[in-house]
Amino acid sequence: MPIRQWFLAISPTRRIIANQNLKIFVLNDGSRVVGHGEIELSQHFLNAARARRPDIKSALGPRQMGAGLWHSIFEFLRDCKNEHPSHARADIPAESGYAGPMSEVFGTPFIVVEGTRTKPQEADFMSNAIENLKTQYRDQFYGADFILKKDSEVTDEDIGKYSLVLVGNAESNALWGRLAAKYAGSMTPYYPKDDWSSSPTKDVFAEVFKNPVNKNNYLLIIGSNELCNMPFLRNFNPFTAYFDCYVYKYREGREKEYIFARRP
């Protein structure tokens, strides 16, 4: 239910239909390739849009022989020039009271920040976590590499200009500790209450916040209170995360995984 509420809150459908400055072309050939939206959903959107405005173009169903997909798209785009552009940024999640989802971070210029204040026995946990993020990013974005800096290399200009992905914890990552001390109420990790809360567990977490220095950007923290637990992050992928908060707990061969879309 929380995920469904979050999707409804940030859905841009009504805003897109109501905005007469946006031209709409609904295109779905019904193919079954991985990641392709269901044609029934496109038809549902088309029906809702046409009930409110008559200018919607559409091409639903199999294309005719010789009908080029890209020709159709570029022909439509030719008439989509915005004669009255605005530099105001639409931030639907923020307007609905949410900081995320995490995947939004990677739609902005961002820097991954590696903690360097590790104890000798912890250094491998940090480096392995960074390498895991690199691999996931390359898999998601066709071999691309992100900008990586050590906590000691990040400047005040970087903090204000970029979204930040802080890896480790407030003790091992100097920038994390610095921001946590100054903006404690803006980046406190959330831990769900459950029957394990009063007993020892191994846990890792990730959570997205608005960057307290620049609210147009994000702050994503990924780590654990104990760096030796960082290997539990190996199956967590922030680049596809549709939620705000992630917590994984492990105890005596049992595990619990929590995902949240929660208001900041």
Protein backbone atom coordinates (compact mmCIF):
# COMPACT_ATOMS: atom_id res chain seq x y z
CA MET A 1 0.00 0.00 0.00
CA PRO A 2 2.74 2.62 0.77
CA ILE A 3 4.35 1.98 -2.61
CA ARG A 4 0.99 2.29 -4.38
CA GLN A 5 0.28 5.57 -2.57
CA TRP A 6 3.71 6.86 -3.53
CA PHE A 7 3.17 6.03 -7.21
CA LEU A 8 -0.21 7.77 -7.19
CA ALA A 9 1.23 10.83 -5.46
CA ILE A 10 4.03 11.36 -7.98
CA SER A 11 2.23 10.23 -11.15
CA PRO A 12 2.63 12.98 -13.75
CA THR A 13 -0.34 11.78 -15.82
CA ARG A 14 -2.85 14.44 -14.80
CA ARG A 15 -0.31 17.26 -15.06
CA ILE A 16 0.81 16.18 -18.52
CA ILE A 17 -2.73 15.96 -19.84
CA ALA A 18 -3.68 19.31 -18.31
CA ASN A 19 -0.63 21.13 -19.69
CA GLN A 20 -1.70 22.44 -23.10
CA ASN A 21 1.92 23.42 -23.83
CA LEU A 22 2.85 19.73 -23.98
CA LYS A 23 2.11 17.87 -27.19
CA ILE A 24 1.30 14.19 -26.66
CA PHE A 25 2.01 11.25 -28.95
CA VAL A 26 0.98 7.84 -27.57
CA LEU A 27 3.02 5.17 -29.31
CA ASN A 28 2.90 1.44 -28.55
CA ASP A 29 3.22 -1.35 -31.13
CA GLY A 30 2.29 -4.08 -28.65
CA SER A 31 5.65 -5.85 -28.88
CA ARG A 32 6.73 -8.01 -25.95
CA VAL A 33 10.36 -6.97 -25.59
CA VAL A 34 11.69 -6.69 -22.04
CA GLY A 35 10.78 -3.37 -20.46
CA HIS A 36 8.10 -2.54 -23.03
CA GLY A 37 4.94 -1.14 -21.47
CA GLU A 38 1.65 -2.99 -21.82
CA ILE A 39 -0.47 -1.68 -24.69
CA GLU A 40 -3.54 -1.75 -22.42
CA LEU A 41 -1.91 0.89 -20.20
CA SER A 42 -1.22 3.08 -23.22
CA GLN A 43 -4.84 2.74 -24.29
CA HIS A 44 -6.00 3.66 -20.78
CA PHE A 45 -3.85 6.80 -20.83
CA LEU A 46 -5.05 7.67 -24.34
CA ASN A 47 -8.69 7.39 -23.31
CA ALA A 48 -8.12 9.64 -20.29
CA ALA A 49 -6.23 12.20 -22.36
CA ARG A 50 -8.73 12.37 -25.20
CA ALA A 51 -11.54 12.88 -22.72
CA ARG A 52 -9.93 16.20 -21.79
CA ARG A 53 -8.29 17.41 -25.01
CA PRO A 54 -8.70 16.64 -28.72
CA ASP A 55 -5.14 17.16 -29.94
CA ILE A 56 -3.61 13.80 -28.91
CA LYS A 57 -1.82 11.83 -31.62
CA SER A 58 -1.51 8.07 -31.31
CA ALA A 59 -0.22 4.96 -33.02
CA LEU A 60 -1.31 1.85 -31.15
CA GLY A 61 -0.96 -1.67 -32.45
CA PRO A 62 1.35 -3.29 -35.02
CA ARG A 63 2.89 -0.89 -37.53
CA GLN A 64 2.02 -1.22 -41.19
CA MET A 65 4.64 -2.65 -43.50
CA GLY A 66 7.08 0.07 -44.52
CA ALA A 67 6.02 2.42 -41.70
CA GLY A 68 9.26 3.49 -40.01
CA LEU A 69 9.17 3.89 -36.24
CA TRP A 70 11.74 6.67 -36.09
CA HIS A 71 10.21 8.46 -39.05
CA SER A 72 6.93 8.65 -37.13
CA ILE A 73 8.63 9.94 -34.01
CA PHE A 74 10.74 12.61 -35.70
CA GLU A 75 7.81 13.75 -37.81
CA PHE A 76 5.90 14.32 -34.57
CA LEU A 77 8.84 16.03 -32.83
CA ARG A 78 9.27 18.48 -35.70
CA ASP A 79 6.18 20.35 -34.51
CA CYS A 80 7.00 20.19 -30.79
CA LYS A 81 9.23 23.23 -30.47
CA ASN A 82 8.47 25.13 -27.27
CA GLU A 83 7.90 28.75 -28.25
CA HIS A 84 7.72 29.88 -24.61
CA PRO A 85 10.40 27.95 -22.72
CA SER A 86 10.75 28.16 -18.96
CA HIS A 87 13.72 27.25 -16.81
CA ALA A 88 11.49 26.29 -13.88
CA ARG A 89 12.10 22.67 -12.96
CA ALA A 90 9.18 20.36 -12.28
CA ASP A 91 9.85 18.29 -9.17
CA ILE A 92 6.72 16.21 -8.67
CA PRO A 93 8.14 13.98 -5.88
CA ALA A 94 9.17 17.03 -3.83
CA GLU A 95 5.82 18.73 -4.40
CA SER A 96 4.16 15.59 -3.05
CA GLY A 97 6.40 15.55 0.02
CA TYR A 98 8.93 12.91 -1.01
CA ALA A 99 12.70 13.15 -1.32
CA GLY A 100 13.15 10.31 -3.79
CA PRO A 101 13.02 7.86 -5.33
CA MET A 102 16.69 6.95 -5.20
CA SER A 103 16.89 6.52 -8.96
CA GLU A 104 16.11 10.26 -9.31
CA VAL A 105 19.60 10.99 -7.97
CA PHE A 106 21.15 9.64 -11.15
CA GLY A 107 19.10 11.94 -13.34
CA THR A 108 21.13 14.84 -11.90
CA PRO A 109 24.88 15.50 -12.05
CA PHE A 110 26.27 13.47 -9.16
CA ILE A 111 29.47 12.41 -7.43
CA VAL A 112 30.04 9.16 -5.55
CA VAL A 113 32.09 9.88 -2.44
CA GLU A 114 34.29 7.14 -0.99
CA GLY A 115 35.13 7.19 2.70
CA THR A 116 38.84 7.11 3.54
CA ARG A 117 38.77 7.10 7.34
CA THR A 118 38.69 3.33 7.50
CA LYS A 119 40.58 1.13 9.90
CA PRO A 120 43.09 -1.24 8.21
CA GLN A 121 40.73 -4.20 8.60
CA GLU A 122 37.85 -2.17 7.07
CA ALA A 123 39.49 -0.84 3.90
CA ASP A 124 38.51 -3.86 1.79
CA PHE A 125 34.86 -3.54 2.78
CA MET A 126 34.81 0.04 1.51
CA SER A 127 36.65 -0.66 -1.74
CA ASN A 128 34.51 -3.71 -2.49
CA ALA A 129 31.34 -1.66 -1.98
CA ILE A 130 32.61 0.97 -4.41
CA GLU A 131 33.54 -1.66 -7.00
CA ASN A 132 30.09 -3.21 -6.66
CA LEU A 133 28.48 0.18 -7.38
CA LYS A 134 30.73 0.64 -10.42
CA THR A 135 29.72 -2.75 -11.81
CA GLN A 136 26.02 -2.09 -11.28
CA TYR A 137 26.31 1.34 -12.92
CA ARG A 138 28.12 -0.06 -15.95
CA ASP A 139 25.50 -2.78 -16.32
CA GLN A 140 22.68 -0.24 -16.08
CA PHE A 141 24.20 2.46 -18.29
CA TYR A 142 26.00 0.52 -21.02
CA GLY A 143 29.54 0.56 -19.69
CA ALA A 144 29.59 4.15 -18.40
CA ASP A 145 31.60 5.19 -15.35
CA PHE A 146 30.48 7.69 -12.73
CA ILE A 147 32.56 10.43 -11.11
CA LEU A 148 34.23 9.05 -7.97
CA LYS A 149 36.02 11.17 -5.39
CA LYS A 150 37.53 10.45 -2.01
CA ASP A 151 35.92 12.31 0.88
CA SER A 152 39.07 14.46 1.23
CA GLU A 153 38.82 15.59 -2.42
CA VAL A 154 35.26 16.98 -2.36
CA THR A 155 35.12 20.79 -2.36
CA ASP A 156 32.46 23.17 -1.06
CA GLU A 157 31.65 23.92 -4.70
CA ASP A 158 31.05 20.21 -5.33
CA ILE A 159 28.71 20.00 -2.33
CA GLY A 160 26.58 22.86 -3.62
CA LYS A 161 26.68 21.92 -7.30
CA TYR A 162 26.23 18.14 -7.37
CA SER A 163 24.06 15.43 -5.90
CA LEU A 164 26.19 13.34 -3.56
CA VAL A 165 26.27 9.58 -3.02
CA LEU A 166 28.04 9.01 0.30
CA VAL A 167 29.34 5.50 0.92
CA GLY A 168 30.29 4.11 4.36
CA ASN A 169 29.07 5.87 7.50
CA ALA A 170 29.63 9.09 9.43
CA GLU A 171 32.86 7.77 10.98
CA SER A 172 34.53 6.33 7.87
CA ASN A 173 33.40 9.02 5.42
CA ALA A 174 34.62 12.47 6.46
CA LEU A 175 32.13 14.31 4.26
CA TRP A 176 29.25 12.23 5.63
CA GLY A 177 30.33 13.05 9.18
CA ARG A 178 30.76 16.72 8.35
CA LEU A 179 27.28 17.05 6.82
CA ALA A 180 25.66 14.91 9.52
CA ALA A 181 27.10 17.18 12.21
CA LYS A 182 25.86 20.33 10.50
CA TYR A 183 22.53 19.05 9.16
CA ALA A 184 21.66 16.31 11.65
CA GLY A 185 17.91 16.59 11.13
CA SER A 186 18.21 16.43 7.35
CA MET A 187 20.03 13.11 6.94
CA THR A 188 19.21 10.74 9.78
CA PRO A 189 18.80 7.15 8.50
CA TYR A 190 15.43 5.58 9.16
CA TYR A 191 15.24 2.21 10.89
CA PRO A 192 11.92 0.35 10.86
CA LYS A 193 10.59 -0.89 14.18
CA ASP A 194 10.13 -4.65 14.32
CA ASP A 195 10.63 -7.65 16.62
CA TRP A 196 14.37 -7.58 15.87
CA SER A 197 14.89 -3.99 16.97
CA SER A 198 15.94 -4.93 20.50
CA SER A 199 18.33 -7.75 19.54
CA PRO A 200 21.75 -7.74 17.83
CA THR A 201 21.54 -7.74 14.03
CA LYS A 202 23.83 -7.10 11.11
CA ASP A 203 22.29 -4.43 8.93
CA VAL A 204 22.90 -2.11 6.00
CA PHE A 205 20.85 0.82 4.76
CA ALA A 206 20.41 3.36 2.00
CA GLU A 207 18.27 6.48 1.99
CA VAL A 208 17.80 9.51 -0.20
CA PHE A 209 17.35 13.08 1.07
CA LYS A 210 17.30 16.49 -0.50
CA ASN A 211 20.83 17.92 -0.47
CA PRO A 212 20.66 20.28 2.54
CA VAL A 213 23.06 22.69 0.81
CA ASN A 214 21.13 22.82 -2.48
CA LYS A 215 17.54 21.56 -2.47
CA ASN A 216 17.63 21.12 -6.27
CA ASN A 217 20.01 18.19 -5.77
CA TYR A 218 20.05 15.02 -3.69
CA LEU A 219 21.99 13.34 -0.96
CA LEU A 220 22.07 9.53 -1.00
CA ILE A 221 23.69 7.67 1.87
CA ILE A 222 24.64 4.01 1.42
CA GLY A 223 26.34 2.00 4.14
CA SER A 224 26.24 0.46 7.58
CA ASN A 225 27.08 1.41 11.13
CA GLU A 226 29.67 -1.38 10.96
CA LEU A 227 31.65 -1.54 7.71
CA CYS A 228 32.10 -5.29 8.08
CA ASN A 229 28.40 -5.57 7.17
CA MET A 230 28.87 -3.82 3.80
CA PRO A 231 28.91 -7.12 1.81
CA PHE A 232 25.16 -7.35 2.49
CA LEU A 233 24.73 -4.48 0.02
CA ARG A 234 25.88 -6.60 -2.92
CA ASN A 235 22.32 -7.27 -4.15
CA PHE A 236 21.07 -3.72 -3.58
CA ASN A 237 21.02 -1.59 -6.74
CA PRO A 238 20.35 2.15 -6.18
CA PHE A 239 20.29 2.86 -9.93
CA THR A 240 16.94 1.11 -10.34
CA ALA A 241 15.51 1.82 -6.86
CA TYR A 242 11.95 3.21 -7.05
CA PHE A 243 11.80 3.87 -3.29
CA ASP A 244 13.26 6.37 -0.81
CA CYS A 245 14.63 4.10 1.88
CA TYR A 246 16.16 0.61 2.03
CA VAL A 247 17.07 -1.43 5.13
CA TYR A 248 18.43 -4.98 5.20
CA LYS A 249 18.79 -6.91 8.44
CA TYR A 250 20.49 -10.26 9.08
CA ARG A 251 20.40 -12.40 12.22
CA GLU A 252 21.26 -16.06 12.79
CA GLY A 253 20.76 -17.17 9.21
CA ARG A 254 17.54 -15.17 8.81
CA GLU A 255 17.11 -11.99 6.85
CA LYS A 256 14.62 -9.15 6.48
CA GLU A 257 14.48 -6.57 3.73
CA TYR A 258 12.51 -3.33 3.91
CA ILE A 259 11.77 -0.76 1.23
CA PHE A 260 9.91 2.46 1.89
CA ALA A 261 8.47 5.41 0.07
CA ARG A 262 8.25 7.69 3.01
CA ARG A 263 7.80 11.42 3.40
CA PRO A 264 10.90 13.25 4.68
